Amino acid sequence: MNQETEEGGSASQMIDARIAELGDWRGETLTRIRTLIVQADPEVVEEWKWRGVPVWSHGGIICTGETYKQVVKLTFAKGASLEDPAGLFNSSLEGNTRRAIDLHEGEQIDEQALTALIRAAVALNTSAARSKSTRSKPQSE
């Protein structure tokens, strides 16, 4: 699913443009991450927020894909609540909420572990959304 952005294009178009603009290993890495996210969750919503950050959501933000000169940073909004048996999280480890994966040029992505993290983030988001909707419904007598 796709959303319109403040800039007027769809979020997917804006992400495509960012990848093309990068034109290097960062664009290739972002493309691969994006593909894995969509494969892990075909119902994912692509968004374009904060003046140029790709965001993937399902029942809340799953993760963002920021690009910097030396790193592609994949930040999981609720990463501190996710199990990470493969130890993918290597950045933003001190916070109580977010966790990030910094990917550098030439590094391989553990695709199986990343897919598991994405699915766990979706499950966490959708279970939180379900419990909120259950609590907000009036009790019938």
C-alpha atoms as a PDB file:
ATOM      1  CA  MET A   1       0.000   0.000   0.000  1.00  0.00           C
ATOM      2  CA  ASN A   2       1.179   3.505  -0.684  1.00  0.00           C
ATOM      3  CA  GLN A   3       0.480   6.981   0.628  1.00  0.00           C
ATOM      4  CA  GLU A   4       0.624  10.433  -0.936  1.00  0.00           C
ATOM      5  CA  THR A   5       3.397  12.638   0.393  1.00  0.00           C
ATOM      6  CA  GLU A   6       3.494  16.331   1.213  1.00  0.00           C
ATOM      7  CA  GLU A   7       5.704  16.727  -1.864  1.00  0.00           C
ATOM      8  CA  GLY A   8       2.824  15.476  -4.038  1.00  0.00           C
ATOM      9  CA  GLY A   9       4.134  12.106  -5.201  1.00  0.00           C
ATOM     10  CA  SER A  10       3.457   8.724  -3.732  1.00  0.00           C
ATOM     11  CA  ALA A  11       5.724   7.472  -0.978  1.00  0.00           C
ATOM     12  CA  SER A  12       6.897   4.633  -3.231  1.00  0.00           C
ATOM     13  CA  GLN A  13       7.813   7.143  -5.949  1.00  0.00           C
ATOM     14  CA  MET A  14       9.740   9.248  -3.430  1.00  0.00           C
ATOM     15  CA  ILE A  15      11.636   6.177  -2.194  1.00  0.00           C
ATOM     16  CA  ASP A  16      12.384   5.183  -5.808  1.00  0.00           C
ATOM     17  CA  ALA A  17      13.712   8.691  -6.441  1.00  0.00           C
ATOM     18  CA  ARG A  18      15.902   8.590  -3.311  1.00  0.00           C
ATOM     19  CA  ILE A  19      17.394   5.248  -4.389  1.00  0.00           C
ATOM     20  CA  ALA A  20      18.106   6.603  -7.880  1.00  0.00           C
ATOM     21  CA  GLU A  21      19.557   9.809  -6.432  1.00  0.00           C
ATOM     22  CA  LEU A  22      21.953   7.846  -4.220  1.00  0.00           C
ATOM     23  CA  GLY A  23      23.194   5.798  -7.158  1.00  0.00           C
ATOM     24  CA  ASP A  24      25.714   3.837  -5.090  1.00  0.00           C
ATOM     25  CA  TRP A  25      25.964   1.036  -2.534  1.00  0.00           C
ATOM     26  CA  ARG A  26      23.529   2.910  -0.252  1.00  0.00           C
ATOM     27  CA  GLY A  27      20.827   2.812  -2.932  1.00  0.00           C
ATOM     28  CA  GLU A  28      21.509  -0.877  -3.561  1.00  0.00           C
ATOM     29  CA  THR A  29      21.324  -1.593   0.179  1.00  0.00           C
ATOM     30  CA  LEU A  30      18.090   0.374   0.581  1.00  0.00           C
ATOM     31  CA  THR A  31      16.608  -1.475  -2.409  1.00  0.00           C
ATOM     32  CA  ARG A  32      17.492  -4.861  -0.885  1.00  0.00           C
ATOM     33  CA  ILE A  33      16.096  -3.880   2.522  1.00  0.00           C
ATOM     34  CA  ARG A  34      12.903  -2.601   0.915  1.00  0.00           C
ATOM     35  CA  THR A  35      12.479  -5.857  -1.002  1.00  0.00           C
ATOM     36  CA  LEU A  36      12.957  -7.901   2.185  1.00  0.00           C
ATOM     37  CA  ILE A  37      10.419  -5.782   4.063  1.00  0.00           C
ATOM     38  CA  VAL A  38       7.775  -6.224   1.355  1.00  0.00           C
ATOM     39  CA  GLN A  39       8.485  -9.966   1.152  1.00  0.00           C
ATOM     40  CA  ALA A  40       8.249 -10.311   4.940  1.00  0.00           C
ATOM     41  CA  ASP A  41       5.006  -8.308   5.090  1.00  0.00           C
ATOM     42  CA  PRO A  42       3.085  -7.924   1.815  1.00  0.00           C
ATOM     43  CA  GLU A  43       0.604  -5.619   3.628  1.00  0.00           C
ATOM     44  CA  VAL A  44       3.307  -3.101   4.570  1.00  0.00           C
ATOM     45  CA  VAL A  45       2.575   0.590   3.963  1.00  0.00           C
ATOM     46  CA  GLU A  46       5.366   2.712   2.538  1.00  0.00           C
ATOM     47  CA  GLU A  47       5.507   6.268   3.833  1.00  0.00           C
ATOM     48  CA  TRP A  48       7.768   9.279   3.290  1.00  0.00           C
ATOM     49  CA  LYS A  49       8.170  11.295   6.488  1.00  0.00           C
ATOM     50  CA  TRP A  50      10.319  13.893   8.165  1.00  0.00           C
ATOM     51  CA  ARG A  51      11.352  15.551   4.901  1.00  0.00           C
ATOM     52  CA  GLY A  52      12.867  12.549   3.270  1.00  0.00           C
ATOM     53  CA  VAL A  53      12.918   9.399   5.371  1.00  0.00           C
ATOM     54  CA  PRO A  54      11.480   6.158   3.968  1.00  0.00           C
ATOM     55  CA  VAL A  55       9.185   4.579   6.565  1.00  0.00           C
ATOM     56  CA  TRP A  56       7.539   1.161   6.532  1.00  0.00           C
ATOM     57  CA  SER A  57       4.439   0.657   8.668  1.00  0.00           C
ATOM     58  CA  HIS A  58       1.845  -1.939   9.540  1.00  0.00           C
ATOM     59  CA  GLY A  59      -0.263  -1.176  12.609  1.00  0.00           C
ATOM     60  CA  GLY A  60       2.400   1.410  13.472  1.00  0.00           C
ATOM     61  CA  ILE A  61       5.926   2.097  12.313  1.00  0.00           C
ATOM     62  CA  ILE A  62       7.982  -1.030  11.673  1.00  0.00           C
ATOM     63  CA  CYS A  63      11.199   0.741  10.714  1.00  0.00           C
ATOM     64  CA  THR A  64      12.782   3.651   8.903  1.00  0.00           C
ATOM     65  CA  GLY A  65      15.546   3.553   6.308  1.00  0.00           C
ATOM     66  CA  GLU A  66      17.848   6.527   6.693  1.00  0.00           C
ATOM     67  CA  THR A  67      20.870   7.000   4.452  1.00  0.00           C
ATOM     68  CA  TYR A  68      24.036   8.752   5.529  1.00  0.00           C
ATOM     69  CA  LYS A  69      27.444   9.139   3.910  1.00  0.00           C
ATOM     70  CA  GLN A  70      28.968   6.052   5.550  1.00  0.00           C
ATOM     71  CA  VAL A  71      25.924   4.032   6.641  1.00  0.00           C
ATOM     72  CA  VAL A  72      22.380   2.938   5.859  1.00  0.00           C
ATOM     73  CA  LYS A  73      20.534   2.975   9.186  1.00  0.00           C
ATOM     74  CA  LEU A  74      17.512   0.747   9.647  1.00  0.00           C
ATOM     75  CA  THR A  75      15.771   1.961  12.820  1.00  0.00           C
ATOM     76  CA  PHE A  76      13.064  -0.201  14.361  1.00  0.00           C
ATOM     77  CA  ALA A  77      10.535   1.966  16.228  1.00  0.00           C
ATOM     78  CA  LYS A  78       9.947  -0.646  18.940  1.00  0.00           C
ATOM     79  CA  GLY A  79      13.249  -2.482  18.565  1.00  0.00           C
ATOM     80  CA  ALA A  80      13.945  -2.638  22.303  1.00  0.00           C
ATOM     81  CA  SER A  81      10.845  -4.845  22.657  1.00  0.00           C
ATOM     82  CA  LEU A  82      11.966  -7.320  19.974  1.00  0.00           C
ATOM     83  CA  GLU A  83      14.004 -10.459  20.408  1.00  0.00           C
ATOM     84  CA  ASP A  84      17.222 -10.231  18.378  1.00  0.00           C
ATOM     85  CA  PRO A  85      18.831 -13.683  18.632  1.00  0.00           C
ATOM     86  CA  ALA A  86      21.097 -13.018  15.632  1.00  0.00           C
ATOM     87  CA  GLY A  87      22.396  -9.788  17.172  1.00  0.00           C
ATOM     88  CA  LEU A  88      21.513  -7.572  14.204  1.00  0.00           C
ATOM     89  CA  PHE A  89      20.955  -4.462  16.324  1.00  0.00           C
ATOM     90  CA  ASN A  90      24.259  -2.619  16.533  1.00  0.00           C
ATOM     91  CA  SER A  91      23.203   1.007  17.053  1.00  0.00           C
ATOM     92  CA  SER A  92      20.883   3.058  19.301  1.00  0.00           C
ATOM     93  CA  LEU A  93      21.246   0.352  21.927  1.00  0.00           C
ATOM     94  CA  GLU A  94      21.009   2.658  24.951  1.00  0.00           C
ATOM     95  CA  GLY A  95      17.395   3.776  24.486  1.00  0.00           C
ATOM     96  CA  ASN A  96      14.286   2.233  25.954  1.00  0.00           C
ATOM     97  CA  THR A  97      12.331   2.064  22.699  1.00  0.00           C
ATOM     98  CA  ARG A  98      14.238   2.127  19.401  1.00  0.00           C
ATOM     99  CA  ARG A  99      17.025  -0.088  18.130  1.00  0.00           C
ATOM    100  CA  ALA A 100      18.905   0.285  14.858  1.00  0.00           C
ATOM    101  CA  ILE A 101      21.013  -1.698  12.432  1.00  0.00           C
ATOM    102  CA  ASP A 102      23.844   0.253  10.823  1.00  0.00           C
ATOM    103  CA  LEU A 103      24.859  -1.241   7.488  1.00  0.00           C
ATOM    104  CA  HIS A 104      28.202  -0.222   5.976  1.00  0.00           C
ATOM    105  CA  GLU A 105      29.478  -0.605   2.439  1.00  0.00           C
ATOM    106  CA  GLY A 106      30.341  -4.210   1.634  1.00  0.00           C
ATOM    107  CA  GLU A 107      28.502  -5.721   4.613  1.00  0.00           C
ATOM    108  CA  GLN A 108      26.173  -8.635   3.985  1.00  0.00           C
ATOM    109  CA  ILE A 109      22.650  -8.555   5.382  1.00  0.00           C
ATOM    110  CA  ASP A 110      21.543 -11.642   7.299  1.00  0.00           C
ATOM    111  CA  GLU A 111      18.317 -11.777   5.302  1.00  0.00           C
ATOM    112  CA  GLN A 112      16.726 -14.566   7.311  1.00  0.00           C
ATOM    113  CA  ALA A 113      17.343 -12.785  10.628  1.00  0.00           C
ATOM    114  CA  LEU A 114      16.184  -9.434   9.220  1.00  0.00           C
ATOM    115  CA  THR A 115      13.003 -11.020   7.877  1.00  0.00           C
ATOM    116  CA  ALA A 116      12.328 -12.507  11.328  1.00  0.00           C
ATOM    117  CA  LEU A 117      12.831  -9.081  12.960  1.00  0.00           C
ATOM    118  CA  ILE A 118      10.447  -7.435  10.481  1.00  0.00           C
ATOM    119  CA  ARG A 119       7.779 -10.065  11.106  1.00  0.00           C
ATOM    120  CA  ALA A 120       8.258  -9.743  14.876  1.00  0.00           C
ATOM    121  CA  ALA A 121       7.844  -5.945  14.612  1.00  0.00           C
ATOM    122  CA  VAL A 122       4.617  -6.382  12.624  1.00  0.00           C
ATOM    123  CA  ALA A 123       3.318  -8.913  15.159  1.00  0.00           C
ATOM    124  CA  LEU A 124       4.136  -6.526  18.014  1.00  0.00           C
ATOM    125  CA  ASN A 125       2.410  -3.605  16.267  1.00  0.00           C
ATOM    126  CA  THR A 126      -0.700  -5.561  15.338  1.00  0.00           C
ATOM    127  CA  SER A 127      -1.030  -7.234  18.753  1.00  0.00           C
ATOM    128  CA  ALA A 128      -0.763  -3.811  20.445  1.00  0.00           C
ATOM    129  CA  ALA A 129      -3.402  -2.424  18.076  1.00  0.00           C
ATOM    130  CA  ARG A 130      -5.689  -5.390  18.763  1.00  0.00           C
ATOM    131  CA  SER A 131      -5.362  -5.070  22.534  1.00  0.00           C
ATOM    132  CA  LYS A 132      -6.107  -1.322  22.353  1.00  0.00           C
ATOM    133  CA  SER A 133      -9.250  -1.920  20.288  1.00  0.00           C
ATOM    134  CA  THR A 134     -10.351  -4.675  22.678  1.00  0.00           C
ATOM    135  CA  ARG A 135      -9.874  -2.424  25.709  1.00  0.00           C
ATOM    136  CA  SER A 136     -11.715   0.499  24.146  1.00  0.00           C
ATOM    137  CA  LYS A 137     -14.846  -1.475  23.314  1.00  0.00           C
ATOM    138  CA  PRO A 138     -17.622  -1.015  25.869  1.00  0.00           C
ATOM    139  CA  GLN A 139     -18.433  -4.088  27.896  1.00  0.00           C
ATOM    140  CA  SER A 140     -21.888  -5.515  27.205  1.00  0.00           C
ATOM    141  CA  GLU A 141     -23.973  -6.648  30.136  1.00  0.00           C
END
